[in-house]
Amino acid sequence: REEAAKLAVLPSFTLGVEGGRLENNLLSLLQLNPWLFRTAIGMTIPIYTGGELTARIAIATARQQATVAAYGSTVLLAFREVENALTNEGIVSQRLEFDQAALRDRTEAVRISRIQYTAGATDLLSVLQLQAEQIASDVSVIKLRNTQLANRINLHLALGGSFEVQGASIIK
């Protein structure tokens, strides 16, 4: 559009060619229908347009700059989304390892506490408190796995992926 606006300042040329037979009743009676050809060359030059052409150039230039800026903003947003998803993947993976280790430890503590309860060395309340902590750890691990899967989906989408398989959507 910017180029078109700049080219509008330049003169434009036209070339026209017409041809055909002359139709006249008198000539038709005499069976004389001569061929006629006409050619024309035209040129238009924008002499005074009140600044319209320069304004159009300025508008087209501004639109082009706005489009380039919007594209740059979109690219930066895409890079930020990918960077965030990759960073989150590392953080969630580390935290998941720690929470899984805590779950294993709490599961072992519940097992030992049950043995102690069976032997009469501890009361039922201690076993139940340890089981509540074990369940809380299990919930935490499940939430982290869910967060990890959601983060991987976001990374897939940020990298330009989709959920289309051979023209059909996976999610219905």
Protein backbone atom coordinates (compact mmCIF):
# COMPACT_ATOMS: atom_id res chain seq x y z
CA ARG A 1 0.00 0.00 0.00
CA GLU A 2 2.88 2.32 0.74
CA GLU A 3 4.36 1.63 -2.71
CA ALA A 4 0.97 2.21 -4.35
CA ALA A 5 0.66 5.54 -2.55
CA LYS A 6 4.16 6.55 -3.69
CA LEU A 7 3.39 5.51 -7.29
CA ALA A 8 0.22 7.63 -7.30
CA VAL A 9 2.44 10.73 -7.35
CA LEU A 10 3.95 9.69 -10.68
CA PRO A 11 2.21 10.38 -14.00
CA SER A 12 0.10 7.61 -15.51
CA PHE A 13 -0.06 6.69 -19.17
CA THR A 14 -2.89 5.11 -21.14
CA LEU A 15 -2.93 3.63 -24.61
CA GLY A 16 -6.17 2.88 -26.42
CA VAL A 17 -6.83 1.24 -29.76
CA GLU A 18 -10.24 0.87 -31.38
CA GLY A 19 -11.27 -0.44 -34.75
CA GLY A 20 -14.32 -1.44 -36.73
CA ARG A 21 -16.44 -0.74 -39.77
CA LEU A 22 -18.18 2.54 -40.35
CA GLU A 23 -21.95 2.03 -40.29
CA ASN A 24 -23.94 4.45 -42.38
CA ASN A 25 -27.19 3.86 -44.29
CA LEU A 26 -26.00 5.66 -47.42
CA LEU A 27 -22.71 3.76 -47.48
CA SER A 28 -24.54 0.50 -46.89
CA LEU A 29 -26.69 1.10 -49.99
CA LEU A 30 -23.56 1.68 -52.01
CA GLN A 31 -21.99 -1.38 -50.37
CA LEU A 32 -19.13 0.71 -49.08
CA ASN A 33 -18.34 0.01 -45.47
CA PRO A 34 -14.80 1.25 -44.85
CA TRP A 35 -12.66 0.12 -41.93
CA LEU A 36 -11.74 2.72 -39.36
CA PHE A 37 -9.02 2.57 -36.74
CA ARG A 38 -8.33 4.97 -33.97
CA THR A 39 -5.48 5.08 -31.50
CA ALA A 40 -5.03 7.36 -28.54
CA ILE A 41 -2.31 7.99 -26.03
CA GLY A 42 -3.13 9.72 -22.78
CA MET A 43 -1.13 10.95 -19.85
CA THR A 44 -2.37 12.27 -16.53
CA ILE A 45 -0.14 14.11 -14.14
CA PRO A 46 -1.21 14.98 -10.62
CA ILE A 47 -0.46 18.70 -10.49
CA TYR A 48 -2.39 19.95 -7.50
CA THR A 49 -4.20 17.61 -5.15
CA GLY A 50 -4.13 19.74 -2.02
CA GLY A 51 -1.66 17.46 -0.24
CA GLU A 52 -3.85 14.37 -0.66
CA LEU A 53 -1.11 12.27 -2.25
CA THR A 54 1.50 13.10 0.39
CA ALA A 55 -1.10 12.44 3.09
CA ARG A 56 -1.85 9.06 1.55
CA ILE A 57 1.86 8.25 1.53
CA ALA A 58 2.14 9.26 5.20
CA ILE A 59 -0.94 7.20 6.12
CA ALA A 60 0.34 4.14 4.23
CA THR A 61 3.77 4.50 5.87
CA ALA A 62 2.20 4.77 9.33
CA ARG A 63 0.03 1.70 8.68
CA GLN A 64 3.06 -0.27 7.54
CA GLN A 65 5.00 0.73 10.66
CA ALA A 66 2.03 -0.22 12.86
CA THR A 67 1.80 -3.61 11.16
CA VAL A 68 5.54 -4.24 11.64
CA ALA A 69 5.26 -3.22 15.31
CA ALA A 70 2.25 -5.55 15.82
CA TYR A 71 4.18 -8.39 14.20
CA GLY A 72 7.17 -7.73 16.46
CA SER A 73 4.90 -7.70 19.49
CA THR A 74 3.36 -11.02 18.46
CA VAL A 75 6.79 -12.59 17.97
CA LEU A 76 7.98 -11.35 21.38
CA LEU A 77 4.82 -12.70 23.01
CA ALA A 78 5.41 -16.10 21.40
CA PHE A 79 9.02 -16.19 22.63
CA ARG A 80 7.90 -15.20 26.13
CA GLU A 81 5.25 -17.94 26.19
CA VAL A 82 7.77 -20.58 25.11
CA GLU A 83 10.37 -19.36 27.60
CA ASN A 84 7.82 -19.36 30.44
CA ALA A 85 6.62 -22.85 29.57
CA LEU A 86 10.17 -24.22 29.47
CA THR A 87 11.05 -22.57 32.78
CA ASN A 88 7.85 -23.86 34.37
CA GLU A 89 8.61 -27.37 33.12
CA GLY A 90 11.91 -27.41 34.99
CA ILE A 91 10.46 -25.98 38.19
CA VAL A 92 7.45 -28.31 38.23
CA SER A 93 9.64 -31.34 37.48
CA GLN A 94 11.94 -30.57 40.42
CA ARG A 95 9.05 -29.94 42.78
CA LEU A 96 7.35 -33.15 41.61
CA GLU A 97 10.49 -35.13 42.49
CA PHE A 98 10.54 -33.62 46.01
CA ASP A 99 6.81 -34.22 46.56
CA GLN A 100 7.07 -37.81 45.33
CA ALA A 101 9.95 -38.39 47.76
CA ALA A 102 7.84 -36.87 50.57
CA LEU A 103 4.94 -39.14 49.60
CA ARG A 104 7.20 -42.20 49.74
CA ASP A 105 8.49 -41.15 53.16
CA ARG A 106 4.98 -40.53 54.51
CA THR A 107 3.76 -43.84 53.12
CA GLU A 108 6.61 -45.59 54.91
CA ALA A 109 5.82 -43.65 58.10
CA VAL A 110 2.18 -44.82 57.91
CA ARG A 111 3.32 -48.42 57.41
CA ILE A 112 5.63 -48.25 60.44
CA SER A 113 2.95 -46.49 62.51
CA ARG A 114 0.43 -49.24 61.71
CA ILE A 115 2.94 -51.86 62.84
CA GLN A 116 3.50 -49.91 66.06
CA TYR A 117 -0.27 -49.56 66.58
CA THR A 118 -0.74 -53.30 66.06
CA ALA A 119 2.02 -53.92 68.62
CA GLY A 120 0.34 -51.46 71.00
CA ALA A 121 3.25 -48.99 71.03
CA THR A 122 1.23 -46.04 69.68
CA ASP A 123 -2.36 -44.85 69.61
CA LEU A 124 -4.80 -44.69 66.67
CA LEU A 125 -4.78 -40.88 66.56
CA SER A 126 -1.07 -40.87 65.58
CA VAL A 127 -1.78 -43.33 62.75
CA LEU A 128 -4.69 -41.23 61.49
CA GLN A 129 -2.64 -38.03 61.56
CA LEU A 130 0.10 -39.69 59.52
CA GLN A 131 -2.50 -41.02 57.06
CA ALA A 132 -3.94 -37.48 56.68
CA GLU A 133 -0.44 -36.18 55.87
CA GLN A 134 0.03 -39.04 53.40
CA ILE A 135 -3.26 -38.16 51.65
CA ALA A 136 -2.27 -34.48 51.54
CA SER A 137 1.05 -35.45 49.92
CA ASP A 138 -0.78 -37.65 47.41
CA VAL A 139 -3.11 -34.76 46.51
CA SER A 140 -0.10 -32.48 46.08
CA VAL A 141 1.57 -34.96 43.69
CA ILE A 142 -1.64 -35.30 41.66
CA LYS A 143 -1.99 -31.49 41.40
CA LEU A 144 1.63 -31.15 40.30
CA ARG A 145 1.17 -33.82 37.61
CA ASN A 146 -1.91 -31.95 36.41
CA THR A 147 0.08 -28.69 36.35
CA GLN A 148 2.87 -30.40 34.45
CA LEU A 149 0.48 -31.73 31.81
CA ALA A 150 -1.23 -28.35 31.44
CA ASN A 151 2.20 -26.70 31.08
CA ARG A 152 3.18 -29.19 28.37
CA ILE A 153 -0.03 -28.43 26.48
CA ASN A 154 0.73 -24.70 26.73
CA LEU A 155 4.26 -25.32 25.46
CA HIS A 156 2.90 -27.36 22.56
CA LEU A 157 0.50 -24.54 21.63
CA ALA A 158 3.16 -21.83 22.10
CA LEU A 159 5.43 -23.67 19.68
CA GLY A 160 2.68 -23.53 17.06
CA GLY A 161 1.17 -26.96 17.60
CA SER A 162 -2.51 -27.74 17.41
CA PHE A 163 -4.89 -30.55 18.18
CA GLU A 164 -5.84 -31.23 14.58
CA VAL A 165 -5.18 -34.70 13.17
CA GLN A 166 -5.72 -35.09 9.42
CA GLY A 167 -8.35 -32.37 9.38
CA ALA A 168 -10.31 -33.77 12.34
CA SER A 169 -10.23 -32.30 15.80
CA ILE A 170 -9.08 -34.53 18.68
CA ILE A 171 -11.19 -32.64 21.21
CA LYS A 172 -14.88 -32.83 20.41
